[in-house]
Amino acid sequence: MPRRIESHFIQGPVGRLEALLEEPEDREPVEAALVCHPHPQFGGTMHNKVVHRLARALRRSGAVVLRFNYRGVNMSEGAYDHGIGEVEDARAALSWLLNRYPNLPYTLAGFSFGSRIVLRLCADLPGVSRVIAVGFPTVYKDTSYVDRCTAPRIFIQSTNDEHGPLPDLKALVDKLPEPKRLITVEAKDHFFGGALDPFEEVVAGLGPAVPVQAAP
């Protein structure tokens, strides 16, 4: 079965969003995953190496993955909007993905700034199977939105993350209601330096998302 790789322009709130859709290499997709990239003002794009590994690992476990560039990044129209507009960009991208694959459970995943975006999006969105927050930056003190995300939350963090030190993240996760999980990867820095292979294996090892059960 040939692998599906498609480039798209998705209509976002302030113009088109550059996006890349990839299906699994060896099977029909069993879930859909939206992957969000790190901070656009510090060089973050959908081609970031951690985002690339995150997307590949999700495809290995059976997901069709949509990555996209926020407004103002590369060929996406608009300008940086301090995380507010970027959440709406993610919402538009997710809507496009779910319209394309309406019968699949879906995961929200993001790295660094992207982990904040997907947790904010989850906070007011029903039906999320899980959220995978990679390299969550605890240096931003407002984390109230994390409490409002009721989907299972999986945090994956480098043991030497300078933007999200483990003691700070553990204190945050300990206070959250279930379901939650914190996984650490022995790495040099925020970008999983020297440990991209183990990081990818951790994500692939999560397996596909479990569909959300409808209320009786």
C-alpha atoms as a PDB file:
ATOM      1  CA  MET A   1       0.000   0.000   0.000  1.00  0.00           C
ATOM      2  CA  PRO A   2       1.601   3.319  -1.031  1.00  0.00           C
ATOM      3  CA  ARG A   3       1.983   5.787   1.781  1.00  0.00           C
ATOM      4  CA  ARG A   4      -0.149   8.910   1.459  1.00  0.00           C
ATOM      5  CA  ILE A   5       1.763  12.185   1.842  1.00  0.00           C
ATOM      6  CA  GLU A   6      -0.083  15.363   0.903  1.00  0.00           C
ATOM      7  CA  SER A   7       0.694  19.065   1.150  1.00  0.00           C
ATOM      8  CA  HIS A   8      -2.300  21.305   1.789  1.00  0.00           C
ATOM      9  CA  PHE A   9      -3.351  24.858   2.450  1.00  0.00           C
ATOM     10  CA  ILE A  10      -6.079  24.890   5.104  1.00  0.00           C
ATOM     11  CA  GLN A  11      -8.318  27.903   5.577  1.00  0.00           C
ATOM     12  CA  GLY A  12      -7.498  29.392   8.967  1.00  0.00           C
ATOM     13  CA  PRO A  13      -9.039  32.308  10.865  1.00  0.00           C
ATOM     14  CA  VAL A  14      -6.790  34.910   9.201  1.00  0.00           C
ATOM     15  CA  GLY A  15      -5.798  33.170   5.983  1.00  0.00           C
ATOM     16  CA  ARG A  16      -4.375  29.951   4.683  1.00  0.00           C
ATOM     17  CA  LEU A  17      -2.300  27.609   6.833  1.00  0.00           C
ATOM     18  CA  GLU A  18       0.458  25.511   5.306  1.00  0.00           C
ATOM     19  CA  ALA A  19       0.005  21.853   6.286  1.00  0.00           C
ATOM     20  CA  LEU A  20       1.341  18.346   5.717  1.00  0.00           C
ATOM     21  CA  LEU A  21      -0.818  15.223   5.986  1.00  0.00           C
ATOM     22  CA  GLU A  22       0.818  11.792   6.317  1.00  0.00           C
ATOM     23  CA  GLU A  23      -0.804   8.389   6.696  1.00  0.00           C
ATOM     24  CA  PRO A  24       0.883   5.303   8.202  1.00  0.00           C
ATOM     25  CA  GLU A  25       3.374   3.466   6.016  1.00  0.00           C
ATOM     26  CA  ASP A  26       1.956  -0.032   6.517  1.00  0.00           C
ATOM     27  CA  ARG A  27      -1.773   0.084   7.291  1.00  0.00           C
ATOM     28  CA  GLU A  28      -5.000   2.023   7.168  1.00  0.00           C
ATOM     29  CA  PRO A  29      -5.068   4.688   9.918  1.00  0.00           C
ATOM     30  CA  VAL A  30      -6.701   3.760  13.220  1.00  0.00           C
ATOM     31  CA  GLU A  31      -6.592   7.261  14.706  1.00  0.00           C
ATOM     32  CA  ALA A  32      -6.058  10.862  13.658  1.00  0.00           C
ATOM     33  CA  ALA A  33      -3.452  13.080  15.300  1.00  0.00           C
ATOM     34  CA  LEU A  34      -2.869  16.824  15.154  1.00  0.00           C
ATOM     35  CA  VAL A  35       0.731  17.790  15.935  1.00  0.00           C
ATOM     36  CA  CYS A  36       1.630  21.369  16.901  1.00  0.00           C
ATOM     37  CA  HIS A  37       5.100  22.868  16.616  1.00  0.00           C
ATOM     38  CA  PRO A  38       7.183  25.020  18.999  1.00  0.00           C
ATOM     39  CA  HIS A  39       7.315  28.784  19.370  1.00  0.00           C
ATOM     40  CA  PRO A  40       7.201  30.576  16.001  1.00  0.00           C
ATOM     41  CA  GLN A  41       9.246  33.519  17.261  1.00  0.00           C
ATOM     42  CA  PHE A  42      12.150  31.213  18.135  1.00  0.00           C
ATOM     43  CA  GLY A  43      12.358  29.348  14.852  1.00  0.00           C
ATOM     44  CA  GLY A  44       9.612  26.802  15.462  1.00  0.00           C
ATOM     45  CA  THR A  45       8.010  25.203  12.395  1.00  0.00           C
ATOM     46  CA  MET A  46       6.237  21.972  11.558  1.00  0.00           C
ATOM     47  CA  HIS A  47       9.615  20.623  10.384  1.00  0.00           C
ATOM     48  CA  ASN A  48      11.246  20.927  13.822  1.00  0.00           C
ATOM     49  CA  LYS A  49      13.198  17.725  14.546  1.00  0.00           C
ATOM     50  CA  VAL A  50      11.245  16.835  17.699  1.00  0.00           C
ATOM     51  CA  VAL A  51       7.940  17.473  15.904  1.00  0.00           C
ATOM     52  CA  HIS A  52       9.127  15.310  13.006  1.00  0.00           C
ATOM     53  CA  ARG A  53       9.984  12.439  15.372  1.00  0.00           C
ATOM     54  CA  LEU A  54       6.707  12.872  17.263  1.00  0.00           C
ATOM     55  CA  ALA A  55       4.726  12.701  14.024  1.00  0.00           C
ATOM     56  CA  ARG A  56       6.668   9.686  12.767  1.00  0.00           C
ATOM     57  CA  ALA A  57       6.181   7.790  16.018  1.00  0.00           C
ATOM     58  CA  LEU A  58       2.433   8.424  15.908  1.00  0.00           C
ATOM     59  CA  ARG A  59       2.308   7.174  12.312  1.00  0.00           C
ATOM     60  CA  ARG A  60       4.179   4.050  13.395  1.00  0.00           C
ATOM     61  CA  SER A  61       1.406   3.335  15.904  1.00  0.00           C
ATOM     62  CA  GLY A  62      -1.264   3.731  13.235  1.00  0.00           C
ATOM     63  CA  ALA A  63      -2.172   7.417  13.168  1.00  0.00           C
ATOM     64  CA  VAL A  64      -2.749   9.691  10.227  1.00  0.00           C
ATOM     65  CA  VAL A  65      -0.903  12.857  11.247  1.00  0.00           C
ATOM     66  CA  LEU A  66      -1.541  16.466  10.317  1.00  0.00           C
ATOM     67  CA  ARG A  67       1.218  18.994  10.961  1.00  0.00           C
ATOM     68  CA  PHE A  68       0.792  22.655  10.102  1.00  0.00           C
ATOM     69  CA  ASN A  69       2.506  26.013  10.436  1.00  0.00           C
ATOM     70  CA  TYR A  70       0.869  28.646  12.614  1.00  0.00           C
ATOM     71  CA  ARG A  71      -0.056  32.008  11.158  1.00  0.00           C
ATOM     72  CA  GLY A  72       2.952  33.922   9.889  1.00  0.00           C
ATOM     73  CA  VAL A  73       5.247  30.882   9.699  1.00  0.00           C
ATOM     74  CA  ASN A  74       6.717  30.066   6.279  1.00  0.00           C
ATOM     75  CA  MET A  75       3.802  30.040   3.826  1.00  0.00           C
ATOM     76  CA  SER A  76       1.033  30.412   6.422  1.00  0.00           C
ATOM     77  CA  GLU A  77      -0.666  33.791   6.263  1.00  0.00           C
ATOM     78  CA  GLY A  78      -1.093  36.212   9.167  1.00  0.00           C
ATOM     79  CA  ALA A  79       1.145  37.266  12.043  1.00  0.00           C
ATOM     80  CA  TYR A  80       2.104  35.905  15.460  1.00  0.00           C
ATOM     81  CA  ASP A  81      -0.733  36.346  17.979  1.00  0.00           C
ATOM     82  CA  HIS A  82       0.793  35.510  21.394  1.00  0.00           C
ATOM     83  CA  GLY A  83      -0.703  32.019  21.548  1.00  0.00           C
ATOM     84  CA  ILE A  84      -4.303  33.213  21.283  1.00  0.00           C
ATOM     85  CA  GLY A  85      -4.616  33.105  17.518  1.00  0.00           C
ATOM     86  CA  GLU A  86      -2.412  30.030  17.359  1.00  0.00           C
ATOM     87  CA  VAL A  87      -4.994  28.064  19.356  1.00  0.00           C
ATOM     88  CA  GLU A  88      -7.579  29.073  16.764  1.00  0.00           C
ATOM     89  CA  ASP A  89      -5.206  28.017  13.986  1.00  0.00           C
ATOM     90  CA  ALA A  90      -4.969  24.610  15.662  1.00  0.00           C
ATOM     91  CA  ARG A  91      -8.745  24.457  15.967  1.00  0.00           C
ATOM     92  CA  ALA A  92      -9.120  25.128  12.233  1.00  0.00           C
ATOM     93  CA  ALA A  93      -6.524  22.490  11.369  1.00  0.00           C
ATOM     94  CA  LEU A  94      -8.194  19.950  13.643  1.00  0.00           C
ATOM     95  CA  SER A  95     -11.600  20.649  12.096  1.00  0.00           C
ATOM     96  CA  TRP A  96     -10.129  19.999   8.647  1.00  0.00           C
ATOM     97  CA  LEU A  97      -8.540  16.750   9.853  1.00  0.00           C
ATOM     98  CA  LEU A  98     -11.740  15.476  11.480  1.00  0.00           C
ATOM     99  CA  ASN A  99     -13.785  16.318   8.416  1.00  0.00           C
ATOM    100  CA  ARG A 100     -11.338  14.227   6.406  1.00  0.00           C
ATOM    101  CA  TYR A 101     -11.369  11.311   8.897  1.00  0.00           C
ATOM    102  CA  PRO A 102     -14.708  11.608  10.732  1.00  0.00           C
ATOM    103  CA  ASN A 103     -14.804   8.082  12.123  1.00  0.00           C
ATOM    104  CA  LEU A 104     -11.423   7.957  13.828  1.00  0.00           C
ATOM    105  CA  PRO A 105     -10.580   8.751  17.466  1.00  0.00           C
ATOM    106  CA  TYR A 106      -8.197  11.666  17.697  1.00  0.00           C
ATOM    107  CA  THR A 107      -5.124  12.743  19.605  1.00  0.00           C
ATOM    108  CA  LEU A 108      -3.739  16.234  20.163  1.00  0.00           C
ATOM    109  CA  ALA A 109       0.048  16.367  20.419  1.00  0.00           C
ATOM    110  CA  GLY A 110       2.521  19.214  20.611  1.00  0.00           C
ATOM    111  CA  PHE A 111       6.083  20.102  21.501  1.00  0.00           C
ATOM    112  CA  SER A 112       7.084  23.025  23.757  1.00  0.00           C
ATOM    113  CA  PHE A 113       4.877  26.011  22.804  1.00  0.00           C
ATOM    114  CA  GLY A 114       2.870  23.434  20.862  1.00  0.00           C
ATOM    115  CA  SER A 115       2.171  21.484  24.060  1.00  0.00           C
ATOM    116  CA  ARG A 116       0.612  24.622  25.528  1.00  0.00           C
ATOM    117  CA  ILE A 117      -1.482  25.083  22.389  1.00  0.00           C
ATOM    118  CA  VAL A 118      -2.925  21.551  22.443  1.00  0.00           C
ATOM    119  CA  LEU A 119      -3.682  21.680  26.178  1.00  0.00           C
ATOM    120  CA  ARG A 120      -5.472  25.009  25.713  1.00  0.00           C
ATOM    121  CA  LEU A 121      -7.406  23.590  22.783  1.00  0.00           C
ATOM    122  CA  CYS A 122      -8.349  20.490  24.770  1.00  0.00           C
ATOM    123  CA  ALA A 123      -9.733  22.632  27.605  1.00  0.00           C
ATOM    124  CA  ASP A 124     -12.834  23.586  25.616  1.00  0.00           C
ATOM    125  CA  LEU A 125     -13.107  20.707  23.171  1.00  0.00           C
ATOM    126  CA  PRO A 126     -15.133  17.505  23.690  1.00  0.00           C
ATOM    127  CA  GLY A 127     -14.157  14.108  22.401  1.00  0.00           C
ATOM    128  CA  VAL A 128     -10.362  14.285  22.669  1.00  0.00           C
ATOM    129  CA  SER A 129      -8.977  10.776  23.143  1.00  0.00           C
ATOM    130  CA  ARG A 130      -5.710  11.993  24.684  1.00  0.00           C
ATOM    131  CA  VAL A 131      -3.230  14.850  24.746  1.00  0.00           C
ATOM    132  CA  ILE A 132       0.508  14.241  24.385  1.00  0.00           C
ATOM    133  CA  ALA A 133       2.414  17.234  25.776  1.00  0.00           C
ATOM    134  CA  VAL A 134       6.118  17.033  24.924  1.00  0.00           C
ATOM    135  CA  GLY A 135       8.631  19.384  26.540  1.00  0.00           C
ATOM    136  CA  PHE A 136       5.983  21.334  28.439  1.00  0.00           C
ATOM    137  CA  PRO A 137       7.519  24.731  29.354  1.00  0.00           C
ATOM    138  CA  THR A 138       6.800  25.363  33.032  1.00  0.00           C
ATOM    139  CA  VAL A 139       8.522  28.761  32.830  1.00  0.00           C
ATOM    140  CA  TYR A 140       5.109  30.194  31.894  1.00  0.00           C
ATOM    141  CA  LYS A 141       3.310  30.403  35.209  1.00  0.00           C
ATOM    142  CA  ASP A 142      -0.306  30.409  33.991  1.00  0.00           C
ATOM    143  CA  THR A 143      -1.184  26.725  33.816  1.00  0.00           C
ATOM    144  CA  SER A 144      -4.877  26.956  34.760  1.00  0.00           C
ATOM    145  CA  TYR A 145      -5.902  25.642  31.330  1.00  0.00           C
ATOM    146  CA  VAL A 146      -4.144  22.343  32.065  1.00  0.00           C
ATOM    147  CA  ASP A 147      -6.715  21.632  34.803  1.00  0.00           C
ATOM    148  CA  ARG A 148      -9.565  22.265  32.370  1.00  0.00           C
ATOM    149  CA  CYS A 149      -8.390  19.585  29.951  1.00  0.00           C
ATOM    150  CA  THR A 150     -10.221  16.449  31.059  1.00  0.00           C
ATOM    151  CA  ALA A 151      -8.814  14.097  28.422  1.00  0.00           C
ATOM    152  CA  PRO A 152      -5.998  11.741  29.438  1.00  0.00           C
ATOM    153  CA  ARG A 153      -2.813  13.832  29.525  1.00  0.00           C
ATOM    154  CA  ILE A 154       0.581  12.297  28.788  1.00  0.00           C
ATOM    155  CA  PHE A 155       3.596  14.497  29.521  1.00  0.00           C
ATOM    156  CA  ILE A 156       6.924  13.471  27.971  1.00  0.00           C
ATOM    157  CA  GLN A 157       9.893  15.462  29.263  1.00  0.00           C
ATOM    158  CA  SER A 158      13.661  15.507  28.905  1.00  0.00           C
ATOM    159  CA  THR A 159      15.492  14.922  32.182  1.00  0.00           C
ATOM    160  CA  ASN A 160      17.457  18.123  31.496  1.00  0.00           C
ATOM    161  CA  ASP A 161      14.778  20.404  30.103  1.00  0.00           C
ATOM    162  CA  GLU A 162      15.897  23.976  30.749  1.00  0.00           C
ATOM    163  CA  HIS A 163      12.431  25.369  29.953  1.00  0.00           C
ATOM    164  CA  GLY A 164      10.526  22.797  31.964  1.00  0.00           C
ATOM    165  CA  PRO A 165      12.658  21.460  34.817  1.00  0.00           C
ATOM    166  CA  LEU A 166      11.428  18.084  36.019  1.00  0.00           C
ATOM    167  CA  PRO A 167      10.789  19.126  39.645  1.00  0.00           C
ATOM    168  CA  ASP A 168       8.526  21.936  38.415  1.00  0.00           C
ATOM    169  CA  LEU A 169       6.652  19.728  35.977  1.00  0.00           C
ATOM    170  CA  LYS A 170       6.278  16.914  38.492  1.00  0.00           C
ATOM    171  CA  ALA A 171       4.757  19.357  40.985  1.00  0.00           C
ATOM    172  CA  LEU A 172       2.265  20.456  38.331  1.00  0.00           C
ATOM    173  CA  VAL A 173       1.357  16.925  37.232  1.00  0.00           C
ATOM    174  CA  ASP A 174       0.996  15.719  40.833  1.00  0.00           C
ATOM    175  CA  LYS A 175      -1.773  18.272  41.378  1.00  0.00           C
ATOM    176  CA  LEU A 176      -3.739  17.284  38.278  1.00  0.00           C
ATOM    177  CA  PRO A 177      -6.702  14.919  38.453  1.00  0.00           C
ATOM    178  CA  GLU A 178      -6.505  11.566  36.724  1.00  0.00           C
ATOM    179  CA  PRO A 179      -6.025  10.379  34.041  1.00  0.00           C
ATOM    180  CA  LYS A 180      -2.453  11.619  33.679  1.00  0.00           C
ATOM    181  CA  ARG A 181       1.032  10.279  33.112  1.00  0.00           C
ATOM    182  CA  LEU A 182       4.563  11.685  33.213  1.00  0.00           C
ATOM    183  CA  ILE A 183       7.285   9.955  31.188  1.00  0.00           C
ATOM    184  CA  THR A 184      10.905  11.089  31.265  1.00  0.00           C
ATOM    185  CA  VAL A 185      13.592  10.600  28.636  1.00  0.00           C
ATOM    186  CA  GLU A 186      17.279  10.851  29.553  1.00  0.00           C
ATOM    187  CA  ALA A 187      18.440  13.670  27.277  1.00  0.00           C
ATOM    188  CA  LYS A 188      20.782  16.663  27.195  1.00  0.00           C
ATOM    189  CA  ASP A 189      18.262  19.471  26.852  1.00  0.00           C
ATOM    190  CA  HIS A 190      14.776  20.725  25.968  1.00  0.00           C
ATOM    191  CA  PHE A 191      15.190  19.430  22.411  1.00  0.00           C
ATOM    192  CA  PHE A 192      15.987  15.852  23.534  1.00  0.00           C
ATOM    193  CA  GLY A 193      19.595  16.279  22.493  1.00  0.00           C
ATOM    194  CA  GLY A 194      21.319  12.919  22.063  1.00  0.00           C
ATOM    195  CA  ALA A 195      18.057  11.079  22.672  1.00  0.00           C
ATOM    196  CA  LEU A 196      15.769  11.572  19.678  1.00  0.00           C
ATOM    197  CA  ASP A 197      15.726   7.828  18.990  1.00  0.00           C
ATOM    198  CA  PRO A 198      14.680   6.896  22.563  1.00  0.00           C
ATOM    199  CA  PHE A 199      12.138   9.736  22.507  1.00  0.00           C
ATOM    200  CA  GLU A 200      10.575   8.385  19.307  1.00  0.00           C
ATOM    201  CA  GLU A 201      10.421   4.882  20.776  1.00  0.00           C
ATOM    202  CA  VAL A 202       8.629   6.193  23.869  1.00  0.00           C
ATOM    203  CA  VAL A 203       5.953   7.832  21.726  1.00  0.00           C
ATOM    204  CA  ALA A 204       5.593   4.826  19.429  1.00  0.00           C
ATOM    205  CA  GLY A 205       5.310   2.614  22.493  1.00  0.00           C
ATOM    206  CA  LEU A 206       2.200   4.459  23.658  1.00  0.00           C
ATOM    207  CA  GLY A 207       0.232   2.728  20.918  1.00  0.00           C
ATOM    208  CA  PRO A 208      -2.928   4.132  19.363  1.00  0.00           C
ATOM    209  CA  ALA A 209      -5.474   6.157  21.292  1.00  0.00           C
ATOM    210  CA  VAL A 210      -8.485   4.468  22.851  1.00  0.00           C
ATOM    211  CA  PRO A 211     -11.727   5.933  21.479  1.00  0.00           C
ATOM    212  CA  VAL A 212     -13.700   8.094  23.890  1.00  0.00           C
ATOM    213  CA  GLN A 213     -16.830   6.321  25.076  1.00  0.00           C
ATOM    214  CA  ALA A 214     -20.047   8.238  24.616  1.00  0.00           C
ATOM    215  CA  ALA A 215     -22.045   8.958  27.762  1.00  0.00           C
ATOM    216  CA  PRO A 216     -25.033   6.581  28.237  1.00  0.00           C
END
